[in-house]
């Protein structure tokens, strides 16, 4: 199956400008198929998955 980049905006959003501007301690989000735990500036970005 080929990847179709034209549908990517339906599944992702580039919010790096918002994160960089406000520098929250945490940015938490859900519905992922793999764990994410990274630090961007002063913000820890984490995917929240059910156990």
PDB file of N, CA and C in Angstrom:
ATOM      1  N   UNK A   1       0.847  -1.183   0.000  1.00  0.00           N
ATOM      2  CA  UNK A   1       0.000   0.000   0.000  1.00  0.00           C
ATOM      3  C   UNK A   1       0.885   1.237   0.000  1.00  0.00           C
ATOM      4  N   UNK A   2       0.640   2.147  -0.913  1.00  0.00           N
ATOM      5  CA  UNK A   2       1.434   3.367  -0.985  1.00  0.00           C
ATOM      6  C   UNK A   2       0.931   4.394   0.016  1.00  0.00           C
ATOM      7  N   UNK A   3       1.862   5.196   0.521  1.00  0.00           N
ATOM      8  CA  UNK A   3       1.507   6.285   1.422  1.00  0.00           C
ATOM      9  C   UNK A   3       0.928   7.439   0.613  1.00  0.00           C
ATOM     10  N   UNK A   4      -0.147   8.028   1.089  1.00  0.00           N
ATOM     11  CA  UNK A   4      -0.770   9.164   0.409  1.00  0.00           C
ATOM     12  C   UNK A   4      -0.623  10.391   1.294  1.00  0.00           C
ATOM     13  N   UNK A   5       0.383  11.223   1.018  1.00  0.00           N
ATOM     14  CA  UNK A   5       0.660  12.405   1.840  1.00  0.00           C
ATOM     15  C   UNK A   5      -0.467  13.426   1.794  1.00  0.00           C
ATOM     16  N   UNK A   6      -1.334  13.360   0.785  1.00  0.00           N
ATOM     17  CA  UNK A   6      -2.417  14.338   0.686  1.00  0.00           C
ATOM     18  C   UNK A   6      -3.425  14.208   1.821  1.00  0.00           C
ATOM     19  N   UNK A   7      -3.490  13.058   2.487  1.00  0.00           N
ATOM     20  CA  UNK A   7      -4.429  12.894   3.598  1.00  0.00           C
ATOM     21  C   UNK A   7      -3.744  13.130   4.959  1.00  0.00           C
ATOM     22  N   UNK A   8      -2.438  13.387   4.987  1.00  0.00           N
ATOM     23  CA  UNK A   8      -1.709  13.572   6.244  1.00  0.00           C
ATOM     24  C   UNK A   8      -2.306  14.653   7.144  1.00  0.00           C
ATOM     25  N   UNK A   9      -2.762  15.809   6.624  1.00  0.00           N
ATOM     26  CA  UNK A   9      -3.343  16.821   7.522  1.00  0.00           C
ATOM     27  C   UNK A   9      -4.573  16.339   8.286  1.00  0.00           C
ATOM     28  N   UNK A  10      -5.224  15.319   7.804  1.00  0.00           N
ATOM     29  CA  UNK A  10      -6.386  14.773   8.509  1.00  0.00           C
ATOM     30  C   UNK A  10      -5.968  14.001   9.758  1.00  0.00           C
ATOM     31  N   UNK A  11      -4.705  13.619   9.829  1.00  0.00           N
ATOM     32  CA  UNK A  11      -4.235  12.793  10.931  1.00  0.00           C
ATOM     33  C   UNK A  11      -3.204  13.484  11.819  1.00  0.00           C
ATOM     34  N   UNK A  12      -2.579  14.535  11.349  1.00  0.00           N
ATOM     35  CA  UNK A  12      -1.544  15.220  12.131  1.00  0.00           C
ATOM     36  C   UNK A  12      -1.685  16.726  12.005  1.00  0.00           C
ATOM     37  N   UNK A  13      -1.163  17.418  12.993  1.00  0.00           N
ATOM     38  CA  UNK A  13      -1.107  18.877  12.970  1.00  0.00           C
ATOM     39  C   UNK A  13       0.253  19.305  13.492  1.00  0.00           C
ATOM     40  N   UNK A  14       0.884  20.238  12.823  1.00  0.00           N
ATOM     41  CA  UNK A  14       2.159  20.768  13.285  1.00  0.00           C
ATOM     42  C   UNK A  14       1.886  21.919  14.246  1.00  0.00           C
ATOM     43  N   UNK A  15       1.978  21.633  15.535  1.00  0.00           N
ATOM     44  CA  UNK A  15       1.710  22.637  16.560  1.00  0.00           C
ATOM     45  C   UNK A  15       3.005  23.119  17.213  1.00  0.00           C
ATOM     46  N   UNK A  16       4.134  22.936  16.534  1.00  0.00           N
ATOM     47  CA  UNK A  16       5.422  23.321  17.120  1.00  0.00           C
ATOM     48  C   UNK A  16       5.487  24.813  17.429  1.00  0.00           C
ATOM     49  N   UNK A  17       4.854  25.655  16.625  1.00  0.00           N
ATOM     50  CA  UNK A  17       4.857  27.097  16.893  1.00  0.00           C
ATOM     51  C   UNK A  17       4.106  27.419  18.189  1.00  0.00           C
ATOM     52  N   UNK A  18       2.990  26.747  18.415  1.00  0.00           N
ATOM     53  CA  UNK A  18       2.216  26.947  19.647  1.00  0.00           C
ATOM     54  C   UNK A  18       3.035  26.488  20.862  1.00  0.00           C
ATOM     55  N   UNK A  19       3.665  25.321  20.740  1.00  0.00           N
ATOM     56  CA  UNK A  19       4.479  24.790  21.838  1.00  0.00           C
ATOM     57  C   UNK A  19       5.648  25.708  22.123  1.00  0.00           C
ATOM     58  N   UNK A  20       6.329  26.180  21.076  1.00  0.00           N
ATOM     59  CA  UNK A  20       7.470  27.083  21.254  1.00  0.00           C
ATOM     60  C   UNK A  20       7.050  28.422  21.858  1.00  0.00           C
ATOM     61  N   UNK A  21       5.876  28.922  21.467  1.00  0.00           N
ATOM     62  CA  UNK A  21       5.404  30.224  21.963  1.00  0.00           C
ATOM     63  C   UNK A  21       5.044  30.174  23.439  1.00  0.00           C
ATOM     64  N   UNK A  22       4.296  29.148  23.864  1.00  0.00           N
ATOM     65  CA  UNK A  22       3.779  29.108  25.231  1.00  0.00           C
ATOM     66  C   UNK A  22       4.640  28.323  26.205  1.00  0.00           C
ATOM     67  N   UNK A  23       5.490  27.432  25.737  1.00  0.00           N
ATOM     68  CA  UNK A  23       6.425  26.681  26.573  1.00  0.00           C
ATOM     69  C   UNK A  23       5.776  26.120  27.838  1.00  0.00           C
ATOM     70  N   UNK A  24       4.672  25.413  27.665  1.00  0.00           N
ATOM     71  CA  UNK A  24       4.022  24.729  28.795  1.00  0.00           C
ATOM     72  C   UNK A  24       4.963  23.689  29.377  1.00  0.00           C
ATOM     73  N   UNK A  25       4.735  23.294  30.616  1.00  0.00           N
ATOM     74  CA  UNK A  25       5.544  22.230  31.214  1.00  0.00           C
ATOM     75  C   UNK A  25       5.301  20.910  30.491  1.00  0.00           C
ATOM     76  N   UNK A  26       4.021  20.642  30.148  1.00  0.00           N
ATOM     77  CA  UNK A  26       3.649  19.384  29.500  1.00  0.00           C
ATOM     78  C   UNK A  26       2.701  19.640  28.345  1.00  0.00           C
ATOM     79  N   UNK A  27       2.799  18.802  27.311  1.00  0.00           N
ATOM     80  CA  UNK A  27       1.843  18.767  26.218  1.00  0.00           C
ATOM     81  C   UNK A  27       1.462  17.295  26.081  1.00  0.00           C
ATOM     82  N   UNK A  28       0.227  16.976  26.442  1.00  0.00           N
ATOM     83  CA  UNK A  28      -0.238  15.594  26.456  1.00  0.00           C
ATOM     84  C   UNK A  28      -1.277  15.400  25.361  1.00  0.00           C
ATOM     85  N   UNK A  29      -1.198  14.279  24.686  1.00  0.00           N
ATOM     86  CA  UNK A  29      -2.182  13.987  23.641  1.00  0.00           C
ATOM     87  C   UNK A  29      -2.418  12.494  23.569  1.00  0.00           C
ATOM     88  N   UNK A  30      -3.488  12.104  22.908  1.00  0.00           N
ATOM     89  CA  UNK A  30      -3.857  10.696  22.880  1.00  0.00           C
ATOM     90  C   UNK A  30      -4.056  10.157  21.481  1.00  0.00           C
ATOM     91  N   UNK A  31      -4.605   8.964  21.445  1.00  0.00           N
ATOM     92  CA  UNK A  31      -4.870   8.182  20.233  1.00  0.00           C
ATOM     93  C   UNK A  31      -3.631   8.055  19.350  1.00  0.00           C
ATOM     94  N   UNK A  32      -2.650   7.380  19.883  1.00  0.00           N
ATOM     95  CA  UNK A  32      -1.461   7.059  19.099  1.00  0.00           C
ATOM     96  C   UNK A  32      -1.275   5.550  19.092  1.00  0.00           C
ATOM     97  N   UNK A  33      -0.513   5.078  18.156  1.00  0.00           N
ATOM     98  CA  UNK A  33      -0.251   3.649  18.049  1.00  0.00           C
ATOM     99  C   UNK A  33       1.142   3.294  18.550  1.00  0.00           C
ATOM    100  N   UNK A  34       1.851   4.296  19.055  1.00  0.00           N
ATOM    101  CA  UNK A  34       3.182   4.072  19.608  1.00  0.00           C
ATOM    102  C   UNK A  34       3.454   5.151  20.654  1.00  0.00           C
ATOM    103  N   UNK A  35       4.265   4.850  21.659  1.00  0.00           N
ATOM    104  CA  UNK A  35       4.541   5.824  22.711  1.00  0.00           C
ATOM    105  C   UNK A  35       5.478   6.936  22.227  1.00  0.00           C
ATOM    106  N   UNK A  36       5.228   8.145  22.716  1.00  0.00           N
ATOM    107  CA  UNK A  36       6.087   9.295  22.433  1.00  0.00           C
ATOM    108  C   UNK A  36       6.366   9.994  23.751  1.00  0.00           C
ATOM    109  N   UNK A  37       7.610  10.332  23.989  1.00  0.00           N
ATOM    110  CA  UNK A  37       8.010  11.078  25.188  1.00  0.00           C
ATOM    111  C   UNK A  37       9.279  11.842  24.818  1.00  0.00           C
ATOM    112  N   UNK A  38       9.109  13.112  24.413  1.00  0.00           N
ATOM    113  CA  UNK A  38      10.227  13.943  23.969  1.00  0.00           C
ATOM    114  C   UNK A  38      10.161  15.304  24.660  1.00  0.00           C
ATOM    115  N   UNK A  39      11.252  16.024  24.635  1.00  0.00           N
ATOM    116  CA  UNK A  39      11.296  17.377  25.187  1.00  0.00           C
ATOM    117  C   UNK A  39      11.616  18.347  24.064  1.00  0.00           C
ATOM    118  N   UNK A  40      10.786  19.372  23.940  1.00  0.00           N
ATOM    119  CA  UNK A  40      10.963  20.435  22.953  1.00  0.00           C
ATOM    120  C   UNK A  40      11.076  21.738  23.734  1.00  0.00           C
ATOM    121  N   UNK A  41      12.265  22.319  23.793  1.00  0.00           N
ATOM    122  CA  UNK A  41      12.472  23.507  24.618  1.00  0.00           C
ATOM    123  C   UNK A  41      12.268  23.141  26.078  1.00  0.00           C
ATOM    124  N   UNK A  42      11.301  23.798  26.740  1.00  0.00           N
ATOM    125  CA  UNK A  42      10.987  23.496  28.139  1.00  0.00           C
ATOM    126  C   UNK A  42       9.762  22.596  28.273  1.00  0.00           C
ATOM    127  N   UNK A  43       9.205  22.123  27.154  1.00  0.00           N
ATOM    128  CA  UNK A  43       7.964  21.369  27.166  1.00  0.00           C
ATOM    129  C   UNK A  43       8.213  19.880  26.961  1.00  0.00           C
ATOM    130  N   UNK A  44       7.670  19.059  27.867  1.00  0.00           N
ATOM    131  CA  UNK A  44       7.718  17.609  27.707  1.00  0.00           C
ATOM    132  C   UNK A  44       6.466  17.190  26.952  1.00  0.00           C
ATOM    133  N   UNK A  45       6.637  16.559  25.806  1.00  0.00           N
ATOM    134  CA  UNK A  45       5.540  16.145  24.933  1.00  0.00           C
ATOM    135  C   UNK A  45       5.375  14.637  25.081  1.00  0.00           C
ATOM    136  N   UNK A  46       4.162  14.217  25.489  1.00  0.00           N
ATOM    137  CA  UNK A  46       3.925  12.810  25.769  1.00  0.00           C
ATOM    138  C   UNK A  46       2.604  12.342  25.176  1.00  0.00           C
ATOM    139  N   UNK A  47       2.624  11.151  24.588  1.00  0.00           N
ATOM    140  CA  UNK A  47       1.372  10.525  24.168  1.00  0.00           C
ATOM    141  C   UNK A  47       0.826   9.756  25.368  1.00  0.00           C
ATOM    142  N   UNK A  48      -0.460   9.845  25.551  1.00  0.00           N
ATOM    143  CA  UNK A  48      -1.128   9.168  26.653  1.00  0.00           C
ATOM    144  C   UNK A  48      -1.914   8.009  26.062  1.00  0.00           C
ATOM    145  N   UNK A  49      -1.494   6.802  26.415  1.00  0.00           N
ATOM    146  CA  UNK A  49      -2.129   5.598  25.880  1.00  0.00           C
ATOM    147  C   UNK A  49      -2.731   4.793  27.018  1.00  0.00           C
ATOM    148  N   UNK A  50      -3.887   4.192  26.771  1.00  0.00           N
ATOM    149  CA  UNK A  50      -4.463   3.329  27.811  1.00  0.00           C
ATOM    150  C   UNK A  50      -3.573   2.108  28.027  1.00  0.00           C
ATOM    151  N   UNK A  51      -3.564   1.631  29.240  1.00  0.00           N
ATOM    152  CA  UNK A  51      -2.748   0.473  29.581  1.00  0.00           C
ATOM    153  C   UNK A  51      -3.526  -0.799  29.352  1.00  0.00           C
TER     154      UNK A  51
END
